[in-house]
Amino acid sequence: MGCCSGRCTLAFICGMQLVSVLERQVIDFLGYQWAPILTNFLHIIVVILGLFGTIQFRPRYVTGYAAWLVMWMTWNVFIICFYLEVGDLSRDSDLVLTFNLSMHRSWWMENGPGCRVTPISPPPSWAPEDHRYISISGCLMDFQFIEVAHSSLQILLALMGFIYACYVVKLISEEEDSFDFIGGFDSYGYQGPQKTSHLQLQPMYMSK
């Protein structure tokens, strides 16, 4: 019963992770955030493998899923530090999230709740011709805090997933050990007691 309950809970957590990371993947695609796009893609693959291992009683898959969650939490902690500009990090850097391939920022910068976008006309003289310059105002929440909230949700789900993954691996291993113990007699070719015949042979004498 405990294994079934733990597996069901872990499967539910994996489902929540898939839904949340797919939403995040769409947002990152719209914002041309190439580093998060690649990381999200790896996360989707590992979560699917973890879900498969949970359903099919594959502890190696679940163990790999748990190990990946540690790296996934580390990545999201970095994203939080990046958007909050902890230390020398700057969210205006093009190299970290876009690999310096574009000048795009988070999709939430222009599309956050309440944001009003106004094109700047004419653009600055130093501005490249293939870029548009805008003014953003009226946002109910700054885009960096929305990104921090998304990463915090991912950390929370990953922490829950890690705890339940360890629990499920422990339960599956215990069940495998119990099955090995029950079937241990077969490996030694155990045979039950056999019936012995009590018939005794009597000598026969023949008269001449």
N, C-alpha and C. Protein backbone atom coordinates (compact mmCIF):
# COMPACT_ATOMS: atom_id res chain seq x y z
N MET A 1 0.83 -1.21 0.00
CA MET A 1 0.00 0.00 0.00
C MET A 1 0.86 1.26 0.00
N GLY A 2 1.97 1.25 0.83
CA GLY A 2 2.85 2.40 0.89
C GLY A 2 3.53 2.66 -0.44
N CYS A 3 3.96 1.58 -1.11
CA CYS A 3 4.63 1.75 -2.40
C CYS A 3 3.68 2.32 -3.43
N CYS A 4 2.43 1.83 -3.43
CA CYS A 4 1.44 2.33 -4.38
C CYS A 4 1.16 3.80 -4.14
N SER A 5 1.00 4.19 -2.86
CA SER A 5 0.74 5.58 -2.53
C SER A 5 1.91 6.47 -2.91
N GLY A 6 3.14 6.03 -2.62
CA GLY A 6 4.32 6.81 -2.97
C GLY A 6 4.48 6.96 -4.47
N ARG A 7 4.24 5.88 -5.21
CA ARG A 7 4.35 5.92 -6.66
C ARG A 7 3.29 6.84 -7.27
N CYS A 8 2.10 6.78 -6.75
CA CYS A 8 1.03 7.64 -7.27
C CYS A 8 1.35 9.11 -7.02
N THR A 9 1.86 9.40 -5.83
CA THR A 9 2.23 10.79 -5.52
C THR A 9 3.36 11.27 -6.40
N LEU A 10 4.37 10.42 -6.61
CA LEU A 10 5.49 10.80 -7.47
C LEU A 10 5.04 10.97 -8.91
N ALA A 11 4.14 10.12 -9.38
CA ALA A 11 3.62 10.27 -10.74
C ALA A 11 2.86 11.59 -10.88
N PHE A 12 2.11 11.97 -9.85
CA PHE A 12 1.39 13.25 -9.86
C PHE A 12 2.37 14.42 -9.91
N ILE A 13 3.44 14.34 -9.11
CA ILE A 13 4.45 15.40 -9.11
C ILE A 13 5.11 15.52 -10.48
N CYS A 14 5.42 14.37 -11.10
CA CYS A 14 6.01 14.40 -12.44
C CYS A 14 5.06 15.06 -13.43
N GLY A 15 3.77 14.77 -13.31
CA GLY A 15 2.79 15.40 -14.19
C GLY A 15 2.76 16.91 -14.00
N MET A 16 2.81 17.37 -12.74
CA MET A 16 2.83 18.80 -12.46
C MET A 16 4.10 19.44 -13.02
N GLN A 17 5.22 18.74 -12.92
CA GLN A 17 6.47 19.27 -13.47
C GLN A 17 6.38 19.42 -14.98
N LEU A 18 5.80 18.43 -15.64
CA LEU A 18 5.68 18.50 -17.10
C LEU A 18 4.81 19.68 -17.52
N VAL A 19 3.68 19.87 -16.85
CA VAL A 19 2.78 20.97 -17.21
C VAL A 19 3.48 22.31 -17.00
N SER A 20 4.13 22.48 -15.85
CA SER A 20 4.76 23.76 -15.55
C SER A 20 5.95 24.05 -16.45
N VAL A 21 6.75 23.02 -16.77
CA VAL A 21 7.93 23.28 -17.60
C VAL A 21 7.55 23.48 -19.06
N LEU A 22 6.46 22.86 -19.51
CA LEU A 22 5.99 23.11 -20.87
C LEU A 22 5.51 24.55 -21.02
N GLU A 23 4.82 25.05 -20.00
CA GLU A 23 4.40 26.46 -20.02
C GLU A 23 5.63 27.37 -20.05
N ARG A 24 6.62 27.02 -19.25
CA ARG A 24 7.84 27.82 -19.21
C ARG A 24 8.60 27.73 -20.53
N GLN A 25 8.58 26.57 -21.15
CA GLN A 25 9.27 26.40 -22.43
C GLN A 25 8.66 27.30 -23.50
N VAL A 26 7.34 27.39 -23.53
CA VAL A 26 6.67 28.26 -24.51
C VAL A 26 7.06 29.71 -24.28
N ILE A 27 7.08 30.14 -23.02
CA ILE A 27 7.45 31.52 -22.71
C ILE A 27 8.90 31.80 -23.11
N ASP A 28 9.79 30.85 -22.85
CA ASP A 28 11.20 31.04 -23.21
C ASP A 28 11.39 31.06 -24.73
N PHE A 29 10.60 30.27 -25.45
CA PHE A 29 10.66 30.32 -26.91
C PHE A 29 10.24 31.70 -27.42
N LEU A 30 9.19 32.23 -26.84
CA LEU A 30 8.71 33.55 -27.27
C LEU A 30 9.72 34.64 -26.95
N GLY A 31 10.54 34.43 -25.92
CA GLY A 31 11.54 35.41 -25.55
C GLY A 31 12.92 35.11 -26.09
N TYR A 32 13.06 34.04 -26.90
CA TYR A 32 14.34 33.65 -27.50
C TYR A 32 15.43 33.46 -26.44
N GLN A 33 15.04 32.80 -25.34
CA GLN A 33 15.99 32.52 -24.26
C GLN A 33 16.58 31.13 -24.50
N TRP A 34 17.69 31.07 -25.23
CA TRP A 34 18.19 29.78 -25.74
C TRP A 34 18.72 28.87 -24.65
N ALA A 35 19.41 29.41 -23.67
CA ALA A 35 19.93 28.56 -22.58
C ALA A 35 18.79 27.92 -21.78
N PRO A 36 17.78 28.67 -21.35
CA PRO A 36 16.65 28.01 -20.68
C PRO A 36 15.90 27.02 -21.58
N ILE A 37 15.82 27.31 -22.88
CA ILE A 37 15.13 26.40 -23.79
C ILE A 37 15.81 25.03 -23.79
N LEU A 38 17.13 25.01 -23.90
CA LEU A 38 17.87 23.74 -23.91
C LEU A 38 17.74 23.03 -22.56
N THR A 39 17.83 23.78 -21.48
CA THR A 39 17.74 23.17 -20.16
C THR A 39 16.33 22.61 -19.91
N ASN A 40 15.32 23.36 -20.33
CA ASN A 40 13.94 22.88 -20.19
C ASN A 40 13.72 21.60 -20.98
N PHE A 41 14.31 21.53 -22.17
CA PHE A 41 14.16 20.34 -23.01
C PHE A 41 14.75 19.11 -22.31
N LEU A 42 15.94 19.26 -21.73
CA LEU A 42 16.55 18.15 -20.98
C LEU A 42 15.67 17.75 -19.79
N HIS A 43 15.12 18.75 -19.14
CA HIS A 43 14.27 18.48 -17.97
C HIS A 43 13.02 17.68 -18.38
N ILE A 44 12.43 18.05 -19.50
CA ILE A 44 11.24 17.33 -19.98
C ILE A 44 11.57 15.87 -20.23
N ILE A 45 12.70 15.60 -20.88
CA ILE A 45 13.10 14.22 -21.17
C ILE A 45 13.30 13.43 -19.88
N VAL A 46 14.02 14.02 -18.92
CA VAL A 46 14.32 13.30 -17.68
C VAL A 46 13.05 13.05 -16.87
N VAL A 47 12.14 14.01 -16.84
CA VAL A 47 10.89 13.82 -16.10
C VAL A 47 10.06 12.70 -16.72
N ILE A 48 10.03 12.64 -18.05
CA ILE A 48 9.31 11.55 -18.72
C ILE A 48 9.94 10.20 -18.35
N LEU A 49 11.27 10.12 -18.33
CA LEU A 49 11.94 8.88 -17.94
C LEU A 49 11.66 8.55 -16.48
N GLY A 50 11.64 9.57 -15.63
CA GLY A 50 11.31 9.33 -14.22
C GLY A 50 9.89 8.83 -14.05
N LEU A 51 8.97 9.38 -14.83
CA LEU A 51 7.58 8.92 -14.77
C LEU A 51 7.47 7.48 -15.25
N PHE A 52 8.20 7.16 -16.31
CA PHE A 52 8.22 5.78 -16.82
C PHE A 52 8.77 4.82 -15.77
N GLY A 53 9.87 5.21 -15.12
CA GLY A 53 10.45 4.36 -14.09
C GLY A 53 9.53 4.19 -12.89
N THR A 54 8.78 5.24 -12.57
CA THR A 54 7.83 5.14 -11.45
C THR A 54 6.71 4.17 -11.76
N ILE A 55 6.19 4.23 -12.95
CA ILE A 55 5.06 3.36 -13.32
C ILE A 55 5.51 1.92 -13.53
N GLN A 56 6.70 1.72 -14.11
CA GLN A 56 7.17 0.39 -14.47
C GLN A 56 8.11 -0.24 -13.44
N PHE A 57 8.20 0.33 -12.25
CA PHE A 57 9.06 -0.22 -11.19
C PHE A 57 10.52 -0.33 -11.66
N ARG A 58 11.05 0.76 -12.23
CA ARG A 58 12.44 0.79 -12.67
C ARG A 58 13.22 1.74 -11.75
N PRO A 59 13.85 1.22 -10.69
CA PRO A 59 14.53 2.11 -9.73
C PRO A 59 15.69 2.89 -10.34
N ARG A 60 16.34 2.35 -11.37
CA ARG A 60 17.45 3.09 -11.98
C ARG A 60 16.97 4.37 -12.64
N TYR A 61 15.84 4.31 -13.31
CA TYR A 61 15.27 5.50 -13.94
C TYR A 61 14.90 6.53 -12.88
N VAL A 62 14.30 6.06 -11.79
CA VAL A 62 13.90 6.99 -10.72
C VAL A 62 15.13 7.59 -10.05
N THR A 63 16.19 6.80 -9.88
CA THR A 63 17.42 7.32 -9.29
C THR A 63 18.05 8.38 -10.19
N GLY A 64 18.08 8.13 -11.49
CA GLY A 64 18.59 9.14 -12.42
C GLY A 64 17.76 10.41 -12.41
N TYR A 65 16.46 10.24 -12.29
CA TYR A 65 15.56 11.39 -12.20
C TYR A 65 15.86 12.21 -10.95
N ALA A 66 16.09 11.53 -9.82
CA ALA A 66 16.40 12.24 -8.58
C ALA A 66 17.73 12.98 -8.69
N ALA A 67 18.72 12.35 -9.32
CA ALA A 67 20.03 13.01 -9.48
C ALA A 67 19.91 14.26 -10.36
N TRP A 68 19.10 14.18 -11.41
CA TRP A 68 18.92 15.33 -12.29
C TRP A 68 18.23 16.48 -11.54
N LEU A 69 17.31 16.15 -10.64
CA LEU A 69 16.58 17.21 -9.91
C LEU A 69 17.52 18.07 -9.10
N VAL A 70 18.62 17.51 -8.62
CA VAL A 70 19.60 18.31 -7.89
C VAL A 70 20.19 19.38 -8.81
N MET A 71 20.55 18.98 -10.03
CA MET A 71 21.09 19.94 -10.99
C MET A 71 20.02 20.94 -11.43
N TRP A 72 18.78 20.46 -11.56
CA TRP A 72 17.68 21.34 -11.97
C TRP A 72 17.43 22.42 -10.91
N MET A 73 17.47 22.04 -9.65
CA MET A 73 17.31 23.03 -8.58
C MET A 73 18.46 24.03 -8.59
N THR A 74 19.68 23.54 -8.84
CA THR A 74 20.83 24.44 -8.91
C THR A 74 20.67 25.45 -10.04
N TRP A 75 20.19 24.98 -11.19
CA TRP A 75 19.96 25.88 -12.34
C TRP A 75 18.93 26.96 -12.00
N ASN A 76 17.86 26.57 -11.34
CA ASN A 76 16.82 27.55 -11.01
C ASN A 76 17.27 28.52 -9.94
N VAL A 77 18.11 28.07 -9.02
CA VAL A 77 18.70 29.01 -8.07
C VAL A 77 19.55 30.05 -8.81
N PHE A 78 20.29 29.60 -9.82
CA PHE A 78 21.08 30.53 -10.62
C PHE A 78 20.18 31.52 -11.35
N ILE A 79 19.05 31.05 -11.90
CA ILE A 79 18.13 31.95 -12.60
C ILE A 79 17.60 33.01 -11.64
N ILE A 80 17.26 32.61 -10.42
CA ILE A 80 16.79 33.57 -9.43
C ILE A 80 17.86 34.62 -9.13
N CYS A 81 19.09 34.15 -8.92
CA CYS A 81 20.19 35.08 -8.67
C CYS A 81 20.44 35.99 -9.86
N PHE A 82 20.28 35.45 -11.07
CA PHE A 82 20.50 36.24 -12.28
C PHE A 82 19.49 37.38 -12.38
N TYR A 83 18.22 37.09 -12.20
CA TYR A 83 17.20 38.13 -12.34
C TYR A 83 17.19 39.10 -11.16
N LEU A 84 17.65 38.68 -10.01
CA LEU A 84 17.76 39.59 -8.87
C LEU A 84 19.11 40.29 -8.83
N GLU A 85 19.97 39.96 -9.81
CA GLU A 85 21.29 40.60 -9.96
C GLU A 85 22.12 40.45 -8.68
N VAL A 86 22.22 39.21 -8.22
CA VAL A 86 23.03 38.92 -7.05
C VAL A 86 24.51 38.94 -7.45
N GLY A 87 25.33 39.61 -6.65
CA GLY A 87 26.76 39.67 -6.94
C GLY A 87 27.03 40.47 -8.21
N ASP A 88 27.83 39.88 -9.11
CA ASP A 88 28.20 40.55 -10.35
C ASP A 88 27.26 40.20 -11.50
N LEU A 89 26.20 39.44 -11.25
CA LEU A 89 25.27 39.07 -12.31
C LEU A 89 24.42 40.27 -12.72
N SER A 90 24.12 40.33 -14.01
CA SER A 90 23.28 41.41 -14.54
C SER A 90 22.26 40.81 -15.50
N ARG A 91 20.99 41.12 -15.26
CA ARG A 91 19.94 40.59 -16.14
C ARG A 91 19.93 41.25 -17.51
N ASP A 92 20.74 42.29 -17.69
CA ASP A 92 20.85 42.93 -19.00
C ASP A 92 21.90 42.28 -19.88
N SER A 93 22.58 41.26 -19.37
CA SER A 93 23.61 40.57 -20.14
C SER A 93 22.97 39.70 -21.23
N ASP A 94 23.49 39.79 -22.44
CA ASP A 94 22.98 38.98 -23.56
C ASP A 94 23.63 37.61 -23.62
N LEU A 95 24.76 37.45 -22.96
CA LEU A 95 25.52 36.22 -23.11
C LEU A 95 24.93 35.06 -22.32
N VAL A 96 24.38 35.33 -21.15
CA VAL A 96 24.01 34.26 -20.23
C VAL A 96 22.85 33.43 -20.74
N LEU A 97 21.74 34.06 -21.13
CA LEU A 97 20.53 33.33 -21.50
C LEU A 97 20.31 33.20 -23.00
N THR A 98 20.86 34.11 -23.77
CA THR A 98 20.63 34.06 -25.23
C THR A 98 21.88 33.69 -26.01
N PHE A 99 22.97 33.36 -25.29
CA PHE A 99 24.25 33.02 -25.94
C PHE A 99 24.75 34.14 -26.85
N ASN A 100 24.34 35.37 -26.53
CA ASN A 100 24.74 36.55 -27.30
C ASN A 100 24.26 36.49 -28.76
N LEU A 101 23.20 35.72 -29.01
CA LEU A 101 22.65 35.62 -30.36
C LEU A 101 21.56 36.65 -30.62
N SER A 102 21.03 37.26 -29.57
CA SER A 102 19.98 38.24 -29.76
C SER A 102 19.99 39.19 -28.57
N MET A 103 19.23 40.28 -28.70
CA MET A 103 19.11 41.26 -27.62
C MET A 103 17.77 41.13 -26.91
N HIS A 104 17.13 39.97 -27.06
CA HIS A 104 15.82 39.78 -26.44
C HIS A 104 15.96 39.58 -24.93
N ARG A 105 14.91 39.95 -24.23
CA ARG A 105 14.82 39.75 -22.80
C ARG A 105 13.65 38.82 -22.51
N SER A 106 13.31 38.71 -21.27
CA SER A 106 12.19 37.87 -20.89
C SER A 106 10.91 38.32 -21.59
N TRP A 107 10.10 37.35 -22.01
CA TRP A 107 8.82 37.65 -22.65
C TRP A 107 7.91 38.44 -21.73
N TRP A 108 8.06 38.25 -20.43
CA TRP A 108 7.23 38.96 -19.46
C TRP A 108 7.55 40.44 -19.39
N MET A 109 8.68 40.87 -19.92
CA MET A 109 9.03 42.30 -19.87
C MET A 109 7.98 43.14 -20.59
N GLU A 110 7.52 42.66 -21.75
CA GLU A 110 6.53 43.40 -22.53
C GLU A 110 5.11 42.90 -22.32
N ASN A 111 4.97 41.67 -21.82
CA ASN A 111 3.65 41.05 -21.74
C ASN A 111 3.23 40.73 -20.32
N GLY A 112 3.84 41.35 -19.35
CA GLY A 112 3.45 41.14 -17.97
C GLY A 112 2.07 41.71 -17.68
N PRO A 113 1.48 41.37 -16.56
CA PRO A 113 0.14 41.87 -16.23
C PRO A 113 0.11 43.39 -16.11
N GLY A 114 -0.75 44.02 -16.92
CA GLY A 114 -0.92 45.47 -16.87
C GLY A 114 0.08 46.26 -17.67
N CYS A 115 1.04 45.61 -18.33
CA CYS A 115 2.09 46.33 -19.04
C CYS A 115 1.53 47.01 -20.30
N ARG A 116 1.94 48.25 -20.51
CA ARG A 116 1.60 49.00 -21.73
C ARG A 116 2.88 49.31 -22.49
N VAL A 117 2.90 48.90 -23.75
CA VAL A 117 4.09 49.06 -24.59
C VAL A 117 3.87 50.21 -25.54
N THR A 118 4.81 51.16 -25.55
CA THR A 118 4.72 52.33 -26.44
C THR A 118 6.00 52.41 -27.27
N PRO A 119 5.89 52.35 -28.61
CA PRO A 119 7.10 52.48 -29.45
C PRO A 119 7.71 53.86 -29.31
N ILE A 120 9.04 53.89 -29.31
CA ILE A 120 9.78 55.15 -29.26
C ILE A 120 10.05 55.60 -30.68
N SER A 121 9.56 56.78 -31.02
CA SER A 121 9.74 57.31 -32.37
C SER A 121 10.13 58.80 -32.28
N PRO A 122 11.20 59.17 -32.96
CA PRO A 122 12.12 58.32 -33.73
C PRO A 122 13.08 57.59 -32.80
N PRO A 123 13.65 56.45 -33.24
CA PRO A 123 14.61 55.72 -32.41
C PRO A 123 15.90 56.49 -32.27
N PRO A 124 16.72 56.14 -31.28
CA PRO A 124 18.01 56.81 -31.12
C PRO A 124 18.89 56.65 -32.36
N SER A 125 19.75 57.62 -32.58
CA SER A 125 20.62 57.59 -33.76
C SER A 125 21.58 56.42 -33.75
N TRP A 126 21.94 55.95 -32.57
CA TRP A 126 22.90 54.85 -32.47
C TRP A 126 22.22 53.48 -32.57
N ALA A 127 20.90 53.47 -32.66
CA ALA A 127 20.16 52.20 -32.64
C ALA A 127 20.26 51.48 -33.98
N PRO A 128 20.47 50.16 -33.96
CA PRO A 128 20.45 49.38 -35.22
C PRO A 128 19.09 49.45 -35.89
N GLU A 129 19.09 49.41 -37.21
CA GLU A 129 17.85 49.57 -37.96
C GLU A 129 16.90 48.39 -37.80
N ASP A 130 17.44 47.19 -37.50
CA ASP A 130 16.57 46.00 -37.40
C ASP A 130 16.02 45.78 -36.00
N HIS A 131 16.13 46.78 -35.13
CA HIS A 131 15.59 46.67 -33.78
C HIS A 131 14.57 47.78 -33.54
N ARG A 132 13.54 47.44 -32.78
CA ARG A 132 12.55 48.44 -32.39
C ARG A 132 12.78 48.82 -30.93
N TYR A 133 12.54 50.07 -30.61
CA TYR A 133 12.74 50.55 -29.26
C TYR A 133 11.40 51.00 -28.69
N ILE A 134 11.16 50.56 -27.47
CA ILE A 134 9.85 50.74 -26.86
C ILE A 134 9.98 51.28 -25.45
N SER A 135 8.88 51.79 -24.97
CA SER A 135 8.78 52.21 -23.58
C SER A 135 7.70 51.36 -22.91
N ILE A 136 8.01 50.83 -21.74
CA ILE A 136 7.09 49.94 -21.03
C ILE A 136 6.69 50.60 -19.72
N SER A 137 5.38 50.64 -19.46
CA SER A 137 4.89 51.28 -18.24
C SER A 137 3.62 50.58 -17.77
N GLY A 138 3.26 50.84 -16.53
CA GLY A 138 2.01 50.34 -15.98
C GLY A 138 2.01 48.89 -15.53
N CYS A 139 3.15 48.24 -15.49
CA CYS A 139 3.20 46.82 -15.11
C CYS A 139 2.84 46.65 -13.64
N LEU A 140 1.95 45.71 -13.36
CA LEU A 140 1.57 45.42 -11.98
C LEU A 140 2.68 44.68 -11.24
N MET A 141 3.51 43.95 -11.99
CA MET A 141 4.65 43.24 -11.39
C MET A 141 5.79 43.24 -12.39
N ASP A 142 6.98 43.60 -11.93
CA ASP A 142 8.14 43.62 -12.81
C ASP A 142 8.44 42.22 -13.30
N PHE A 143 8.97 42.13 -14.53
CA PHE A 143 9.19 40.84 -15.17
C PHE A 143 10.16 39.97 -14.39
N GLN A 144 11.15 40.57 -13.72
CA GLN A 144 12.13 39.77 -13.01
C GLN A 144 11.49 39.02 -11.84
N PHE A 145 10.49 39.59 -11.22
CA PHE A 145 9.82 38.91 -10.12
C PHE A 145 8.93 37.78 -10.62
N ILE A 146 8.38 37.93 -11.82
CA ILE A 146 7.61 36.83 -12.42
C ILE A 146 8.53 35.66 -12.72
N GLU A 147 9.72 35.96 -13.26
CA GLU A 147 10.69 34.90 -13.54
C GLU A 147 11.16 34.23 -12.24
N VAL A 148 11.35 35.01 -11.21
CA VAL A 148 11.74 34.45 -9.91
C VAL A 148 10.65 33.54 -9.37
N ALA A 149 9.38 33.95 -9.53
CA ALA A 149 8.27 33.11 -9.08
C ALA A 149 8.23 31.79 -9.84
N HIS A 150 8.47 31.83 -11.15
CA HIS A 150 8.50 30.60 -11.95
C HIS A 150 9.61 29.67 -11.48
N SER A 151 10.79 30.21 -11.26
CA SER A 151 11.91 29.38 -10.81
C SER A 151 11.67 28.84 -9.41
N SER A 152 11.04 29.63 -8.55
CA SER A 152 10.74 29.16 -7.20
C SER A 152 9.76 27.99 -7.24
N LEU A 153 8.78 28.06 -8.14
CA LEU A 153 7.84 26.95 -8.30
C LEU A 153 8.57 25.69 -8.76
N GLN A 154 9.51 25.84 -9.68
CA GLN A 154 10.27 24.69 -10.16
C GLN A 154 11.11 24.08 -9.04
N ILE A 155 11.69 24.92 -8.20
CA ILE A 155 12.48 24.41 -7.07
C ILE A 155 11.59 23.65 -6.10
N LEU A 156 10.40 24.17 -5.83
CA LEU A 156 9.48 23.50 -4.91
C LEU A 156 9.06 22.14 -5.44
N LEU A 157 8.69 22.08 -6.72
CA LEU A 157 8.30 20.80 -7.32
C LEU A 157 9.47 19.83 -7.37
N ALA A 158 10.65 20.35 -7.68
CA ALA A 158 11.83 19.47 -7.74
C ALA A 158 12.18 18.92 -6.36
N LEU A 159 12.04 19.74 -5.33
CA LEU A 159 12.33 19.26 -3.97
C LEU A 159 11.35 18.16 -3.57
N MET A 160 10.07 18.36 -3.86
CA MET A 160 9.08 17.32 -3.56
C MET A 160 9.36 16.06 -4.37
N GLY A 161 9.70 16.24 -5.64
CA GLY A 161 10.01 15.10 -6.50
C GLY A 161 11.22 14.33 -6.00
N PHE A 162 12.24 15.04 -5.54
CA PHE A 162 13.45 14.38 -5.04
C PHE A 162 13.14 13.55 -3.80
N ILE A 163 12.36 14.11 -2.88
CA ILE A 163 12.02 13.39 -1.65
C ILE A 163 11.23 12.12 -1.97
N TYR A 164 10.22 12.25 -2.82
CA TYR A 164 9.39 11.08 -3.14
C TYR A 164 10.14 10.09 -4.02
N ALA A 165 11.06 10.56 -4.85
CA ALA A 165 11.85 9.64 -5.67
C ALA A 165 12.72 8.76 -4.77
N CYS A 166 13.36 9.37 -3.78
CA CYS A 166 14.16 8.57 -2.83
C CYS A 166 13.28 7.58 -2.08
N TYR A 167 12.09 8.02 -1.71
CA TYR A 167 11.17 7.14 -0.97
C TYR A 167 10.72 5.97 -1.84
N VAL A 168 10.40 6.23 -3.09
CA VAL A 168 9.94 5.18 -4.00
C VAL A 168 11.07 4.19 -4.29
N VAL A 169 12.28 4.68 -4.50
CA VAL A 169 13.42 3.79 -4.74
C VAL A 169 13.63 2.87 -3.54
N LYS A 170 13.51 3.42 -2.34
CA LYS A 170 13.67 2.62 -1.12
C LYS A 170 12.60 1.54 -1.05
N LEU A 171 11.35 1.89 -1.34
CA LEU A 171 10.26 0.91 -1.27
C LEU A 171 10.40 -0.18 -2.33
N ILE A 172 10.78 0.22 -3.56
CA ILE A 172 10.95 -0.77 -4.62
C ILE A 172 12.08 -1.73 -4.28
N SER A 173 13.18 -1.21 -3.72
CA SER A 173 14.31 -2.06 -3.34
C SER A 173 13.90 -3.04 -2.24
N GLU A 174 13.11 -2.57 -1.28
CA GLU A 174 12.65 -3.46 -0.22
C GLU A 174 11.74 -4.55 -0.77
N GLU A 175 10.88 -4.20 -1.71
CA GLU A 175 10.00 -5.21 -2.31
C GLU A 175 10.81 -6.25 -3.09
N GLU A 176 11.83 -5.79 -3.83
CA GLU A 176 12.67 -6.73 -4.57
C GLU A 176 13.40 -7.67 -3.62
N ASP A 177 13.87 -7.14 -2.49
CA ASP A 177 14.55 -7.99 -1.51
C ASP A 177 13.60 -9.02 -0.92
N SER A 178 12.36 -8.62 -0.66
CA SER A 178 11.39 -9.56 -0.10
C SER A 178 11.04 -10.64 -1.11
N PHE A 179 10.93 -10.29 -2.39
CA PHE A 179 10.65 -11.29 -3.42
C PHE A 179 11.81 -12.28 -3.54
N ASP A 180 13.04 -11.78 -3.44
CA ASP A 180 14.20 -12.67 -3.50
C ASP A 180 14.20 -13.64 -2.33
N PHE A 181 13.78 -13.18 -1.14
CA PHE A 181 13.76 -14.04 0.02
C PHE A 181 12.69 -15.13 -0.12
N ILE A 182 11.53 -14.75 -0.63
CA ILE A 182 10.46 -15.73 -0.79
C ILE A 182 10.84 -16.79 -1.82
N GLY A 183 11.50 -16.39 -2.87
CA GLY A 183 11.87 -17.34 -3.91
C GLY A 183 13.22 -17.97 -3.70
N GLY A 184 13.79 -17.74 -2.50
CA GLY A 184 15.15 -18.26 -2.27
C GLY A 184 15.23 -19.76 -2.24
N PHE A 185 14.16 -20.45 -1.76
CA PHE A 185 14.20 -21.90 -1.68
C PHE A 185 14.31 -22.54 -3.05
N ASP A 186 13.71 -21.89 -4.05
CA ASP A 186 13.74 -22.45 -5.39
C ASP A 186 15.14 -22.47 -5.96
N SER A 187 15.94 -21.47 -5.58
CA SER A 187 17.29 -21.41 -6.14
C SER A 187 18.17 -22.54 -5.62
N TYR A 188 17.82 -23.08 -4.45
CA TYR A 188 18.61 -24.18 -3.91
C TYR A 188 18.00 -25.53 -4.23
N GLY A 189 16.96 -25.58 -5.02
CA GLY A 189 16.36 -26.84 -5.42
C GLY A 189 15.76 -27.59 -4.26
N TYR A 190 15.06 -26.85 -3.38
CA TYR A 190 14.47 -27.46 -2.20
C TYR A 190 13.37 -28.43 -2.61
N GLN A 191 13.39 -29.59 -1.99
CA GLN A 191 12.36 -30.58 -2.24
C GLN A 191 11.78 -31.04 -0.90
N GLY A 192 10.48 -31.25 -0.92
CA GLY A 192 9.81 -31.69 0.29
C GLY A 192 10.13 -33.13 0.61
N PRO A 193 9.75 -33.58 1.82
CA PRO A 193 10.01 -34.98 2.21
C PRO A 193 9.25 -35.94 1.31
N GLN A 194 9.90 -37.03 0.94
CA GLN A 194 9.30 -38.01 0.05
C GLN A 194 8.78 -39.21 0.87
N LYS A 195 7.72 -39.78 0.38
CA LYS A 195 7.15 -40.95 1.05
C LYS A 195 8.04 -42.17 0.84
N THR A 196 8.24 -42.88 1.91
CA THR A 196 9.06 -44.11 1.83
C THR A 196 8.14 -45.34 1.96
N SER A 197 8.48 -46.35 1.26
CA SER A 197 7.66 -47.56 1.29
C SER A 197 8.04 -48.41 2.50
N HIS A 198 7.02 -48.90 3.22
CA HIS A 198 7.26 -49.76 4.38
C HIS A 198 7.12 -51.24 4.04
N LEU A 199 7.00 -51.56 2.76
CA LEU A 199 6.86 -52.96 2.34
C LEU A 199 8.20 -53.68 2.53
N GLN A 200 8.21 -54.76 3.26
CA GLN A 200 9.42 -55.51 3.51
C GLN A 200 9.39 -56.82 2.71
N LEU A 201 10.49 -57.17 2.13
CA LEU A 201 10.58 -58.40 1.34
C LEU A 201 10.86 -59.57 2.27
N GLN A 202 10.06 -60.65 2.13
CA GLN A 202 10.24 -61.83 2.93
C GLN A 202 10.86 -62.94 2.08
N PRO A 203 11.78 -63.73 2.64
CA PRO A 203 12.39 -64.83 1.86
C PRO A 203 11.36 -65.92 1.59
N MET A 204 11.50 -66.58 0.45
CA MET A 204 10.58 -67.68 0.05
C MET A 204 11.36 -69.01 0.05
N TYR A 205 10.72 -70.07 0.64
CA TYR A 205 11.35 -71.39 0.67
C TYR A 205 10.54 -72.33 -0.21
N MET A 206 11.21 -73.04 -1.07
CA MET A 206 10.55 -73.95 -1.99
C MET A 206 10.87 -75.39 -1.56
N SER A 207 9.81 -76.22 -1.43
CA SER A 207 10.02 -77.63 -1.01
C SER A 207 10.44 -78.45 -2.22
N LYS A 208 11.29 -79.46 -1.97
CA LYS A 208 11.75 -80.34 -3.04
C LYS A 208 10.76 -81.45 -3.29
